[in-house]
Amino acid sequence: SCRVILTPHPKEFERLCGEKIENFRHDIIAAAKTFAKGSGTIL
């Protein structure tokens, strides 16, 4: 019901998205966009 802002560092982001850092560290921006869009949050 609120507007959500999530503020992870890479290891916390790994836990949030359920993927290892190695899977997204080569394209961090794309991974961030995908998660934010899928969760309806600001990341």
PDB file of all heavy atoms in Angstrom:
ATOM      1  N   SER A   1       0.826  -1.209   0.000  1.00  0.00           N
ATOM      2  CA  SER A   1       0.000   0.000   0.000  1.00  0.00           C
ATOM      3  C   SER A   1       0.860   1.260   0.000  1.00  0.00           C
ATOM      4  O   SER A   1       0.353   2.356  -0.259  1.00  0.00           O
ATOM      5  CB  SER A   1      -0.901   0.002   1.244  1.00  0.00           C
ATOM      6  OG  SER A   1      -0.107  -0.008   2.423  1.00  0.00           O
ATOM      7  N   CYS A   2       2.139   1.117   0.288  1.00  0.00           N
ATOM      8  CA  CYS A   2       3.060   2.260   0.335  1.00  0.00           C
ATOM      9  C   CYS A   2       4.025   2.195  -0.851  1.00  0.00           C
ATOM     10  O   CYS A   2       4.094   1.193  -1.563  1.00  0.00           O
ATOM     11  CB  CYS A   2       3.851   2.254   1.646  1.00  0.00           C
ATOM     12  SG  CYS A   2       4.668   0.679   2.002  1.00  0.00           S
ATOM     13  N   ARG A   3       4.741   3.265  -1.053  1.00  0.00           N
ATOM     14  CA  ARG A   3       5.798   3.287  -2.065  1.00  0.00           C
ATOM     15  C   ARG A   3       7.082   2.809  -1.399  1.00  0.00           C
ATOM     16  O   ARG A   3       7.543   3.408  -0.418  1.00  0.00           O
ATOM     17  CB  ARG A   3       5.937   4.696  -2.645  1.00  0.00           C
ATOM     18  CG  ARG A   3       4.728   5.115  -3.476  1.00  0.00           C
ATOM     19  CD  ARG A   3       4.691   6.608  -3.736  1.00  0.00           C
ATOM     20  NE  ARG A   3       4.507   7.361  -2.502  1.00  0.00           N
ATOM     21  CZ  ARG A   3       3.329   7.560  -1.917  1.00  0.00           C
ATOM     22  NH1 ARG A   3       2.227   7.055  -2.457  1.00  0.00           N
ATOM     23  NH2 ARG A   3       3.243   8.260  -0.805  1.00  0.00           N
ATOM     24  N   VAL A   4       7.659   1.745  -1.924  1.00  0.00           N
ATOM     25  CA  VAL A   4       8.755   1.049  -1.254  1.00  0.00           C
ATOM     26  C   VAL A   4      10.083   1.366  -1.922  1.00  0.00           C
ATOM     27  O   VAL A   4      10.219   1.265  -3.147  1.00  0.00           O
ATOM     28  CB  VAL A   4       8.516  -0.476  -1.252  1.00  0.00           C
ATOM     29  CG1 VAL A   4       9.661  -1.194  -0.529  1.00  0.00           C
ATOM     30  CG2 VAL A   4       7.182  -0.809  -0.595  1.00  0.00           C
ATOM     31  N   ILE A   5      11.051   1.720  -1.090  1.00  0.00           N
ATOM     32  CA  ILE A   5      12.427   1.953  -1.556  1.00  0.00           C
ATOM     33  C   ILE A   5      13.324   0.939  -0.861  1.00  0.00           C
ATOM     34  O   ILE A   5      13.372   0.900   0.381  1.00  0.00           O
ATOM     35  CB  ILE A   5      12.897   3.396  -1.229  1.00  0.00           C
ATOM     36  CG1 ILE A   5      12.007   4.427  -1.919  1.00  0.00           C
ATOM     37  CG2 ILE A   5      14.350   3.584  -1.645  1.00  0.00           C
ATOM     38  CD1 ILE A   5      10.968   5.046  -1.025  1.00  0.00           C
ATOM     39  N   LEU A   6      14.020   0.123  -1.626  1.00  0.00           N
ATOM     40  CA  LEU A   6      14.928  -0.887  -1.086  1.00  0.00           C
ATOM     41  C   LEU A   6      16.368  -0.426  -1.312  1.00  0.00           C
ATOM     42  O   LEU A   6      16.701   0.060  -2.395  1.00  0.00           O
ATOM     43  CB  LEU A   6      14.693  -2.234  -1.768  1.00  0.00           C
ATOM     44  CG  LEU A   6      13.262  -2.773  -1.740  1.00  0.00           C
ATOM     45  CD1 LEU A   6      13.180  -4.097  -2.501  1.00  0.00           C
ATOM     46  CD2 LEU A   6      12.757  -2.949  -0.312  1.00  0.00           C
ATOM     47  N   THR A   7      17.234  -0.622  -0.303  1.00  0.00           N
ATOM     48  CA  THR A   7      18.585  -0.050  -0.377  1.00  0.00           C
ATOM     49  C   THR A   7      19.671  -1.095  -0.130  1.00  0.00           C
ATOM     50  O   THR A   7      20.497  -0.941   0.771  1.00  0.00           O
ATOM     51  CB  THR A   7      18.724   1.080   0.654  1.00  0.00           C
ATOM     52  OG1 THR A   7      18.500   0.548   1.971  1.00  0.00           O
ATOM     53  CG2 THR A   7      17.732   2.191   0.393  1.00  0.00           C
ATOM     54  N   PRO A   8      19.738  -2.145  -0.914  1.00  0.00           N
ATOM     55  CA  PRO A   8      20.720  -3.195  -0.647  1.00  0.00           C
ATOM     56  C   PRO A   8      22.124  -2.874  -1.157  1.00  0.00           C
ATOM     57  O   PRO A   8      22.294  -2.132  -2.116  1.00  0.00           O
ATOM     58  CB  PRO A   8      20.150  -4.385  -1.419  1.00  0.00           C
ATOM     59  CG  PRO A   8      19.479  -3.752  -2.604  1.00  0.00           C
ATOM     60  CD  PRO A   8      18.869  -2.476  -2.063  1.00  0.00           C
ATOM     61  N   HIS A   9      23.118  -3.452  -0.484  1.00  0.00           N
ATOM     62  CA  HIS A   9      24.428  -3.584  -1.107  1.00  0.00           C
ATOM     63  C   HIS A   9      24.406  -4.892  -1.897  1.00  0.00           C
ATOM     64  O   HIS A   9      23.431  -5.662  -1.805  1.00  0.00           O
ATOM     65  CB  HIS A   9      25.554  -3.519  -0.075  1.00  0.00           C
ATOM     66  CG  HIS A   9      25.463  -4.520   1.051  1.00  0.00           C
ATOM     67  ND1 HIS A   9      25.442  -5.890   0.845  1.00  0.00           N
ATOM     68  CD2 HIS A   9      25.404  -4.345   2.405  1.00  0.00           C
ATOM     69  CE1 HIS A   9      25.388  -6.520   2.010  1.00  0.00           C
ATOM     70  NE2 HIS A   9      25.352  -5.600   2.970  1.00  0.00           N
ATOM     71  N   PRO A  10      25.425  -5.175  -2.715  1.00  0.00           N
ATOM     72  CA  PRO A  10      25.340  -6.341  -3.607  1.00  0.00           C
ATOM     73  C   PRO A  10      25.023  -7.661  -2.915  1.00  0.00           C
ATOM     74  O   PRO A  10      24.259  -8.479  -3.451  1.00  0.00           O
ATOM     75  CB  PRO A  10      26.720  -6.376  -4.267  1.00  0.00           C
ATOM     76  CG  PRO A  10      27.120  -4.940  -4.326  1.00  0.00           C
ATOM     77  CD  PRO A  10      26.612  -4.347  -3.030  1.00  0.00           C
ATOM     78  N   LYS A  11      25.568  -7.904  -1.720  1.00  0.00           N
ATOM     79  CA  LYS A  11      25.304  -9.172  -1.042  1.00  0.00           C
ATOM     80  C   LYS A  11      23.854  -9.244  -0.588  1.00  0.00           C
ATOM     81  O   LYS A  11      23.218 -10.304  -0.672  1.00  0.00           O
ATOM     82  CB  LYS A  11      26.235  -9.331   0.153  1.00  0.00           C
ATOM     83  CG  LYS A  11      26.368 -10.766   0.643  1.00  0.00           C
ATOM     84  CD  LYS A  11      27.044 -11.642  -0.412  1.00  0.00           C
ATOM     85  CE  LYS A  11      27.216 -13.071   0.076  1.00  0.00           C
ATOM     86  NZ  LYS A  11      27.799 -13.943  -0.971  1.00  0.00           N
ATOM     87  N   GLU A  12      23.296  -8.132  -0.115  1.00  0.00           N
ATOM     88  CA  GLU A  12      21.876  -8.111   0.258  1.00  0.00           C
ATOM     89  C   GLU A  12      20.995  -8.260  -0.971  1.00  0.00           C
ATOM     90  O   GLU A  12      19.946  -8.913  -0.916  1.00  0.00           O
ATOM     91  CB  GLU A  12      21.559  -6.804   0.985  1.00  0.00           C
ATOM     92  CG  GLU A  12      22.167  -6.720   2.380  1.00  0.00           C
ATOM     93  CD  GLU A  12      22.121  -5.321   2.970  1.00  0.00           C
ATOM     94  OE1 GLU A  12      22.029  -4.344   2.192  1.00  0.00           O
ATOM     95  OE2 GLU A  12      22.199  -5.204   4.204  1.00  0.00           O
ATOM     96  N   PHE A  13      21.432  -7.674  -2.084  1.00  0.00           N
ATOM     97  CA  PHE A  13      20.672  -7.828  -3.328  1.00  0.00           C
ATOM     98  C   PHE A  13      20.684  -9.282  -3.781  1.00  0.00           C
ATOM     99  O   PHE A  13      19.678  -9.785  -4.302  1.00  0.00           O
ATOM    100  CB  PHE A  13      21.259  -6.922  -4.407  1.00  0.00           C
ATOM    101  CG  PHE A  13      20.483  -6.928  -5.694  1.00  0.00           C
ATOM    102  CD1 PHE A  13      19.139  -6.602  -5.727  1.00  0.00           C
ATOM    103  CD2 PHE A  13      21.106  -7.260  -6.891  1.00  0.00           C
ATOM    104  CE1 PHE A  13      18.420  -6.610  -6.910  1.00  0.00           C
ATOM    105  CE2 PHE A  13      20.399  -7.273  -8.083  1.00  0.00           C
ATOM    106  CZ  PHE A  13      19.052  -6.946  -8.094  1.00  0.00           C
ATOM    107  N   GLU A  14      21.794  -9.949  -3.581  1.00  0.00           N
ATOM    108  CA  GLU A  14      21.890 -11.375  -3.905  1.00  0.00           C
ATOM    109  C   GLU A  14      20.814 -12.151  -3.155  1.00  0.00           C
ATOM    110  O   GLU A  14      20.129 -13.008  -3.733  1.00  0.00           O
ATOM    111  CB  GLU A  14      23.279 -11.893  -3.531  1.00  0.00           C
ATOM    112  CG  GLU A  14      23.486 -13.375  -3.771  1.00  0.00           C
ATOM    113  CD  GLU A  14      24.856 -13.848  -3.319  1.00  0.00           C
ATOM    114  OE1 GLU A  14      24.986 -14.209  -2.127  1.00  0.00           O
ATOM    115  OE2 GLU A  14      25.783 -13.845  -4.137  1.00  0.00           O
ATOM    116  N   ARG A  15      20.644 -11.852  -1.883  1.00  0.00           N
ATOM    117  CA  ARG A  15      19.625 -12.556  -1.096  1.00  0.00           C
ATOM    118  C   ARG A  15      18.214 -12.170  -1.533  1.00  0.00           C
ATOM    119  O   ARG A  15      17.311 -13.011  -1.573  1.00  0.00           O
ATOM    120  CB  ARG A  15      19.830 -12.261   0.393  1.00  0.00           C
ATOM    121  CG  ARG A  15      21.080 -12.914   0.970  1.00  0.00           C
ATOM    122  CD  ARG A  15      21.114 -12.801   2.483  1.00  0.00           C
ATOM    123  NE  ARG A  15      21.515 -11.487   2.934  1.00  0.00           N
ATOM    124  CZ  ARG A  15      22.776 -11.123   3.199  1.00  0.00           C
ATOM    125  NH1 ARG A  15      23.758 -11.999   3.026  1.00  0.00           N
ATOM    126  NH2 ARG A  15      23.046  -9.909   3.626  1.00  0.00           N
ATOM    127  N   LEU A  16      18.018 -10.903  -1.877  1.00  0.00           N
ATOM    128  CA  LEU A  16      16.691 -10.449  -2.295  1.00  0.00           C
ATOM    129  C   LEU A  16      16.230 -11.107  -3.587  1.00  0.00           C
ATOM    130  O   LEU A  16      15.077 -11.529  -3.708  1.00  0.00           O
ATOM    131  CB  LEU A  16      16.700  -8.931  -2.487  1.00  0.00           C
ATOM    132  CG  LEU A  16      16.490  -8.048  -1.270  1.00  0.00           C
ATOM    133  CD1 LEU A  16      16.681  -6.588  -1.647  1.00  0.00           C
ATOM    134  CD2 LEU A  16      15.106  -8.256  -0.655  1.00  0.00           C
ATOM    135  N   CYS A  17      17.126 -11.153  -4.566  1.00  0.00           N
ATOM    136  CA  CYS A  17      16.709 -11.675  -5.873  1.00  0.00           C
ATOM    137  C   CYS A  17      16.940 -13.175  -6.006  1.00  0.00           C
ATOM    138  O   CYS A  17      16.529 -13.776  -6.999  1.00  0.00           O
ATOM    139  CB  CYS A  17      17.418 -10.925  -7.001  1.00  0.00           C
ATOM    140  SG  CYS A  17      19.198 -11.146  -7.069  1.00  0.00           S
ATOM    141  N   GLY A  18      17.590 -13.788  -5.013  1.00  0.00           N
ATOM    142  CA  GLY A  18      17.767 -15.235  -5.019  1.00  0.00           C
ATOM    143  C   GLY A  18      18.769 -15.734  -6.034  1.00  0.00           C
ATOM    144  O   GLY A  18      18.714 -16.903  -6.424  1.00  0.00           O
ATOM    145  N   GLU A  19      19.678 -14.870  -6.451  1.00  0.00           N
ATOM    146  CA  GLU A  19      20.723 -15.265  -7.397  1.00  0.00           C
ATOM    147  C   GLU A  19      22.088 -14.882  -6.865  1.00  0.00           C
ATOM    148  O   GLU A  19      22.230 -13.909  -6.127  1.00  0.00           O
ATOM    149  CB  GLU A  19      20.511 -14.590  -8.756  1.00  0.00           C
ATOM    150  CG  GLU A  19      19.317 -15.084  -9.514  1.00  0.00           C
ATOM    151  CD  GLU A  19      19.326 -14.565 -10.946  1.00  0.00           C
ATOM    152  OE1 GLU A  19      20.407 -14.505 -11.543  1.00  0.00           O
ATOM    153  OE2 GLU A  19      18.250 -14.213 -11.439  1.00  0.00           O
ATOM    154  N   LYS A  20      23.097 -15.633  -7.244  1.00  0.00           N
ATOM    155  CA  LYS A  20      24.458 -15.329  -6.838  1.00  0.00           C
ATOM    156  C   LYS A  20      24.950 -14.066  -7.535  1.00  0.00           C
ATOM    157  O   LYS A  20      24.550 -13.765  -8.660  1.00  0.00           O
ATOM    158  CB  LYS A  20      25.390 -16.498  -7.177  1.00  0.00           C
ATOM    159  CG  LYS A  20      25.120 -17.768  -6.369  1.00  0.00           C
ATOM    160  CD  LYS A  20      25.439 -17.552  -4.892  1.00  0.00           C
ATOM    161  CE  LYS A  20      25.259 -18.824  -4.090  1.00  0.00           C
ATOM    162  NZ  LYS A  20      25.541 -18.591  -2.645  1.00  0.00           N
ATOM    163  N   ILE A  21      25.830 -13.353  -6.856  1.00  0.00           N
ATOM    164  CA  ILE A  21      26.382 -12.119  -7.416  1.00  0.00           C
ATOM    165  C   ILE A  21      26.983 -12.359  -8.790  1.00  0.00           C
ATOM    166  O   ILE A  21      26.853 -11.528  -9.702  1.00  0.00           O
ATOM    167  CB  ILE A  21      27.454 -11.540  -6.462  1.00  0.00           C
ATOM    168  CG1 ILE A  21      26.802 -11.069  -5.162  1.00  0.00           C
ATOM    169  CG2 ILE A  21      28.210 -10.395  -7.116  1.00  0.00           C
ATOM    170  CD1 ILE A  21      27.788 -10.612  -4.116  1.00  0.00           C
ATOM    171  N   GLU A  22      27.632 -13.492  -8.969  1.00  0.00           N
ATOM    172  CA  GLU A  22      28.293 -13.803 -10.240  1.00  0.00           C
ATOM    173  C   GLU A  22      27.317 -13.796 -11.410  1.00  0.00           C
ATOM    174  O   GLU A  22      27.713 -13.593 -12.556  1.00  0.00           O
ATOM    175  CB  GLU A  22      28.990 -15.171 -10.169  1.00  0.00           C
ATOM    176  CG  GLU A  22      30.221 -15.203  -9.281  1.00  0.00           C
ATOM    177  CD  GLU A  22      29.911 -15.132  -7.792  1.00  0.00           C
ATOM    178  OE1 GLU A  22      28.751 -15.442  -7.409  1.00  0.00           O
ATOM    179  OE2 GLU A  22      30.806 -14.746  -7.021  1.00  0.00           O
ATOM    180  N   ASN A  23      26.029 -14.008 -11.125  1.00  0.00           N
ATOM    181  CA  ASN A  23      25.032 -14.056 -12.190  1.00  0.00           C
ATOM    182  C   ASN A  23      24.588 -12.686 -12.670  1.00  0.00           C
ATOM    183  O   ASN A  23      23.991 -12.565 -13.744  1.00  0.00           O
ATOM    184  CB  ASN A  23      23.800 -14.844 -11.731  1.00  0.00           C
ATOM    185  CG  ASN A  23      24.104 -16.312 -11.493  1.00  0.00           C
ATOM    186  OD1 ASN A  23      25.105 -16.827 -11.971  1.00  0.00           O
ATOM    187  ND2 ASN A  23      23.262 -16.968 -10.736  1.00  0.00           N
ATOM    188  N   PHE A  24      24.859 -11.640 -11.867  1.00  0.00           N
ATOM    189  CA  PHE A  24      24.407 -10.317 -12.281  1.00  0.00           C
ATOM    190  C   PHE A  24      25.485  -9.243 -12.231  1.00  0.00           C
ATOM    191  O   PHE A  24      25.266  -8.129 -12.702  1.00  0.00           O
ATOM    192  CB  PHE A  24      23.198  -9.864 -11.451  1.00  0.00           C
ATOM    193  CG  PHE A  24      23.438  -9.735  -9.976  1.00  0.00           C
ATOM    194  CD1 PHE A  24      24.117  -8.642  -9.454  1.00  0.00           C
ATOM    195  CD2 PHE A  24      22.960 -10.705  -9.100  1.00  0.00           C
ATOM    196  CE1 PHE A  24      24.322  -8.523  -8.086  1.00  0.00           C
ATOM    197  CE2 PHE A  24      23.163 -10.585  -7.730  1.00  0.00           C
ATOM    198  CZ  PHE A  24      23.844  -9.493  -7.228  1.00  0.00           C
ATOM    199  N   ARG A  25      26.650  -9.546 -11.702  1.00  0.00           N
ATOM    200  CA  ARG A  25      27.666  -8.503 -11.535  1.00  0.00           C
ATOM    201  C   ARG A  25      28.198  -7.983 -12.867  1.00  0.00           C
ATOM    202  O   ARG A  25      28.727  -6.877 -12.939  1.00  0.00           O
ATOM    203  CB  ARG A  25      28.827  -9.018 -10.675  1.00  0.00           C
ATOM    204  CG  ARG A  25      29.649 -10.126 -11.302  1.00  0.00           C
ATOM    205  CD  ARG A  25      30.531 -10.797 -10.270  1.00  0.00           C
ATOM    206  NE  ARG A  25      31.387  -9.851  -9.561  1.00  0.00           N
ATOM    207  CZ  ARG A  25      32.714  -9.979  -9.474  1.00  0.00           C
ATOM    208  NH1 ARG A  25      33.320 -10.984 -10.074  1.00  0.00           N
ATOM    209  NH2 ARG A  25      33.422  -9.112  -8.806  1.00  0.00           N
ATOM    210  N   HIS A  26      28.019  -8.760 -13.954  1.00  0.00           N
ATOM    211  CA  HIS A  26      28.486  -8.303 -15.263  1.00  0.00           C
ATOM    212  C   HIS A  26      27.477  -7.369 -15.931  1.00  0.00           C
ATOM    213  O   HIS A  26      27.804  -6.734 -16.933  1.00  0.00           O
ATOM    214  CB  HIS A  26      28.792  -9.498 -16.175  1.00  0.00           C
ATOM    215  CG  HIS A  26      30.018 -10.241 -15.751  1.00  0.00           C
ATOM    216  ND1 HIS A  26      31.294  -9.799 -16.039  1.00  0.00           N
ATOM    217  CD2 HIS A  26      30.176 -11.376 -15.028  1.00  0.00           C
ATOM    218  CE1 HIS A  26      32.175 -10.631 -15.533  1.00  0.00           C
ATOM    219  NE2 HIS A  26      31.524 -11.598 -14.913  1.00  0.00           N
ATOM    220  N   ASP A  27      26.271  -7.275 -15.394  1.00  0.00           N
ATOM    221  CA  ASP A  27      25.296  -6.310 -15.903  1.00  0.00           C
ATOM    222  C   ASP A  27      24.397  -5.901 -14.745  1.00  0.00           C
ATOM    223  O   ASP A  27      23.211  -6.243 -14.688  1.00  0.00           O
ATOM    224  CB  ASP A  27      24.483  -6.899 -17.045  1.00  0.00           C
ATOM    225  CG  ASP A  27      23.831  -5.813 -17.898  1.00  0.00           C
ATOM    226  OD1 ASP A  27      23.774  -4.658 -17.434  1.00  0.00           O
ATOM    227  OD2 ASP A  27      23.384  -6.117 -19.015  1.00  0.00           O
ATOM    228  N   ILE A  28      24.958  -5.141 -13.835  1.00  0.00           N
ATOM    229  CA  ILE A  28      24.264  -4.742 -12.620  1.00  0.00           C
ATOM    230  C   ILE A  28      23.023  -3.911 -12.943  1.00  0.00           C
ATOM    231  O   ILE A  28      21.967  -4.069 -12.325  1.00  0.00           O
ATOM    232  CB  ILE A  28      25.223  -3.942 -11.711  1.00  0.00           C
ATOM    233  CG1 ILE A  28      26.274  -4.887 -11.115  1.00  0.00           C
ATOM    234  CG2 ILE A  28      24.474  -3.221 -10.613  1.00  0.00           C
ATOM    235  CD1 ILE A  28      27.351  -4.171 -10.326  1.00  0.00           C
ATOM    236  N   ILE A  29      23.142  -3.026 -13.922  1.00  0.00           N
ATOM    237  CA  ILE A  29      22.020  -2.143 -14.241  1.00  0.00           C
ATOM    238  C   ILE A  29      20.819  -2.945 -14.732  1.00  0.00           C
ATOM    239  O   ILE A  29      19.681  -2.704 -14.308  1.00  0.00           O
ATOM    240  CB  ILE A  29      22.449  -1.090 -15.273  1.00  0.00           C
ATOM    241  CG1 ILE A  29      23.453  -0.119 -14.638  1.00  0.00           C
ATOM    242  CG2 ILE A  29      21.244  -0.333 -15.828  1.00  0.00           C
ATOM    243  CD1 ILE A  29      24.018   0.913 -15.596  1.00  0.00           C
ATOM    244  N   ALA A  30      21.045  -3.894 -15.619  1.00  0.00           N
ATOM    245  CA  ALA A  30      19.940  -4.718 -16.118  1.00  0.00           C
ATOM    246  C   ALA A  30      19.305  -5.522 -14.993  1.00  0.00           C
ATOM    247  O   ALA A  30      18.069  -5.646 -14.927  1.00  0.00           O
ATOM    248  CB  ALA A  30      20.448  -5.654 -17.221  1.00  0.00           C
ATOM    249  N   ALA A  31      20.127  -6.070 -14.104  1.00  0.00           N
ATOM    250  CA  ALA A  31      19.592  -6.854 -12.989  1.00  0.00           C
ATOM    251  C   ALA A  31      18.758  -5.976 -12.058  1.00  0.00           C
ATOM    252  O   ALA A  31      17.698  -6.391 -11.581  1.00  0.00           O
ATOM    253  CB  ALA A  31      20.739  -7.504 -12.214  1.00  0.00           C
ATOM    254  N   ALA A  32      19.242  -4.765 -11.809  1.00  0.00           N
ATOM    255  CA  ALA A  32      18.503  -3.840 -10.943  1.00  0.00           C
ATOM    256  C   ALA A  32      17.159  -3.475 -11.567  1.00  0.00           C
ATOM    257  O   ALA A  32      16.127  -3.436 -10.883  1.00  0.00           O
ATOM    258  CB  ALA A  32      19.340  -2.592 -10.688  1.00  0.00           C
ATOM    259  N   LYS A  33      17.153  -3.185 -12.868  1.00  0.00           N
ATOM    260  CA  LYS A  33      15.908  -2.835 -13.556  1.00  0.00           C
ATOM    261  C   LYS A  33      14.904  -3.985 -13.492  1.00  0.00           C
ATOM    262  O   LYS A  33      13.714  -3.768 -13.228  1.00  0.00           O
ATOM    263  CB  LYS A  33      16.197  -2.477 -15.014  1.00  0.00           C
ATOM    264  CG  LYS A  33      16.831  -1.129 -15.224  1.00  0.00           C
ATOM    265  CD  LYS A  33      17.056  -0.853 -16.707  1.00  0.00           C
ATOM    266  CE  LYS A  33      15.761  -0.699 -17.457  1.00  0.00           C
ATOM    267  NZ  LYS A  33      15.989  -0.334 -18.883  1.00  0.00           N
ATOM    268  N   THR A  34      15.379  -5.183 -13.733  1.00  0.00           N
ATOM    269  CA  THR A  34      14.501  -6.349 -13.739  1.00  0.00           C
ATOM    270  C   THR A  34      13.856  -6.554 -12.377  1.00  0.00           C
ATOM    271  O   THR A  34      12.639  -6.792 -12.269  1.00  0.00           O
ATOM    272  CB  THR A  34      15.287  -7.609 -14.141  1.00  0.00           C
ATOM    273  OG1 THR A  34      15.786  -7.449 -15.473  1.00  0.00           O
ATOM    274  CG2 THR A  34      14.402  -8.845 -14.081  1.00  0.00           C
ATOM    275  N   PHE A  35      14.657  -6.447 -11.320  1.00  0.00           N
ATOM    276  CA  PHE A  35      14.116  -6.656  -9.977  1.00  0.00           C
ATOM    277  C   PHE A  35      13.123  -5.558  -9.617  1.00  0.00           C
ATOM    278  O   PHE A  35      12.037  -5.828  -9.082  1.00  0.00           O
ATOM    279  CB  PHE A  35      15.234  -6.711  -8.943  1.00  0.00           C
ATOM    280  CG  PHE A  35      14.732  -6.979  -7.550  1.00  0.00           C
ATOM    281  CD1 PHE A  35      14.578  -8.279  -7.104  1.00  0.00           C
ATOM    282  CD2 PHE A  35      14.368  -5.932  -6.708  1.00  0.00           C
ATOM    283  CE1 PHE A  35      14.082  -8.534  -5.820  1.00  0.00           C
ATOM    284  CE2 PHE A  35      13.870  -6.172  -5.430  1.00  0.00           C
ATOM    285  CZ  PHE A  35      13.729  -7.481  -4.988  1.00  0.00           C
ATOM    286  N   ALA A  36      13.483  -4.312  -9.873  1.00  0.00           N
ATOM    287  CA  ALA A  36      12.600  -3.197  -9.515  1.00  0.00           C
ATOM    288  C   ALA A  36      11.265  -3.299 -10.235  1.00  0.00           C
ATOM    289  O   ALA A  36      10.200  -3.081  -9.640  1.00  0.00           O
ATOM    290  CB  ALA A  36      13.285  -1.873  -9.833  1.00  0.00           C
ATOM    291  N   LYS A  37      11.318  -3.627 -11.508  1.00  0.00           N
ATOM    292  CA  LYS A  37      10.082  -3.731 -12.294  1.00  0.00           C
ATOM    293  C   LYS A  37       9.226  -4.887 -11.794  1.00  0.00           C
ATOM    294  O   LYS A  37       8.005  -4.759 -11.657  1.00  0.00           O
ATOM    295  CB  LYS A  37      10.427  -3.923 -13.771  1.00  0.00           C
ATOM    296  CG  LYS A  37       9.244  -3.720 -14.704  1.00  0.00           C
ATOM    297  CD  LYS A  37       9.686  -3.712 -16.146  1.00  0.00           C
ATOM    298  CE  LYS A  37       8.573  -3.282 -17.082  1.00  0.00           C
ATOM    299  NZ  LYS A  37       8.194  -1.870 -16.907  1.00  0.00           N
ATOM    300  N   GLY A  38       9.865  -6.013 -11.506  1.00  0.00           N
ATOM    301  CA  GLY A  38       9.118  -7.189 -11.067  1.00  0.00           C
ATOM    302  C   GLY A  38       8.525  -7.053  -9.684  1.00  0.00           C
ATOM    303  O   GLY A  38       7.503  -7.672  -9.377  1.00  0.00           O
ATOM    304  N   SER A  39       9.161  -6.253  -8.831  1.00  0.00           N
ATOM    305  CA  SER A  39       8.687  -6.110  -7.458  1.00  0.00           C
ATOM    306  C   SER A  39       7.866  -4.847  -7.244  1.00  0.00           C
ATOM    307  O   SER A  39       7.264  -4.663  -6.178  1.00  0.00           O
ATOM    308  CB  SER A  39       9.882  -6.109  -6.492  1.00  0.00           C
ATOM    309  OG  SER A  39      10.746  -5.019  -6.765  1.00  0.00           O
ATOM    310  N   GLY A  40       7.853  -3.948  -8.228  1.00  0.00           N
ATOM    311  CA  GLY A  40       7.115  -2.707  -8.094  1.00  0.00           C
ATOM    312  C   GLY A  40       7.728  -1.738  -7.101  1.00  0.00           C
ATOM    313  O   GLY A  40       7.020  -0.936  -6.488  1.00  0.00           O
ATOM    314  N   THR A  41       9.040  -1.801  -6.951  1.00  0.00           N
ATOM    315  CA  THR A  41       9.739  -0.965  -5.973  1.00  0.00           C
ATOM    316  C   THR A  41      10.709  -0.007  -6.659  1.00  0.00           C
ATOM    317  O   THR A  41      10.966  -0.105  -7.858  1.00  0.00           O
ATOM    318  CB  THR A  41      10.552  -1.834  -4.997  1.00  0.00           C
ATOM    319  OG1 THR A  41      11.577  -2.535  -5.730  1.00  0.00           O
ATOM    320  CG2 THR A  41       9.672  -2.841  -4.291  1.00  0.00           C
ATOM    321  N   ILE A  42      11.237   0.911  -5.872  1.00  0.00           N
ATOM    322  CA  ILE A  42      12.418   1.669  -6.271  1.00  0.00           C
ATOM    323  C   ILE A  42      13.600   0.973  -5.631  1.00  0.00           C
ATOM    324  O   ILE A  42      13.620   0.749  -4.411  1.00  0.00           O
ATOM    325  CB  ILE A  42      12.336   3.130  -5.818  1.00  0.00           C
ATOM    326  CG1 ILE A  42      11.266   3.877  -6.613  1.00  0.00           C
ATOM    327  CG2 ILE A  42      13.685   3.823  -5.973  1.00  0.00           C
ATOM    328  CD1 ILE A  42      11.034   5.310  -6.160  1.00  0.00           C
ATOM    329  N   LEU A  43      14.569   0.623  -6.436  1.00  0.00           N
ATOM    330  CA  LEU A  43      15.747  -0.075  -5.937  1.00  0.00           C
ATOM    331  C   LEU A  43      16.943   0.862  -5.975  1.00  0.00           C
ATOM    332  O   LEU A  43      17.247   1.467  -7.008  1.00  0.00           O
ATOM    333  CB  LEU A  43      16.032  -1.315  -6.793  1.00  0.00           C
ATOM    334  CG  LEU A  43      17.232  -2.154  -6.347  1.00  0.00           C
ATOM    335  CD1 LEU A  43      16.915  -2.903  -5.054  1.00  0.00           C
ATOM    336  CD2 LEU A  43      17.636  -3.153  -7.436  1.00  0.00           C
TER     337      LEU A  43
END
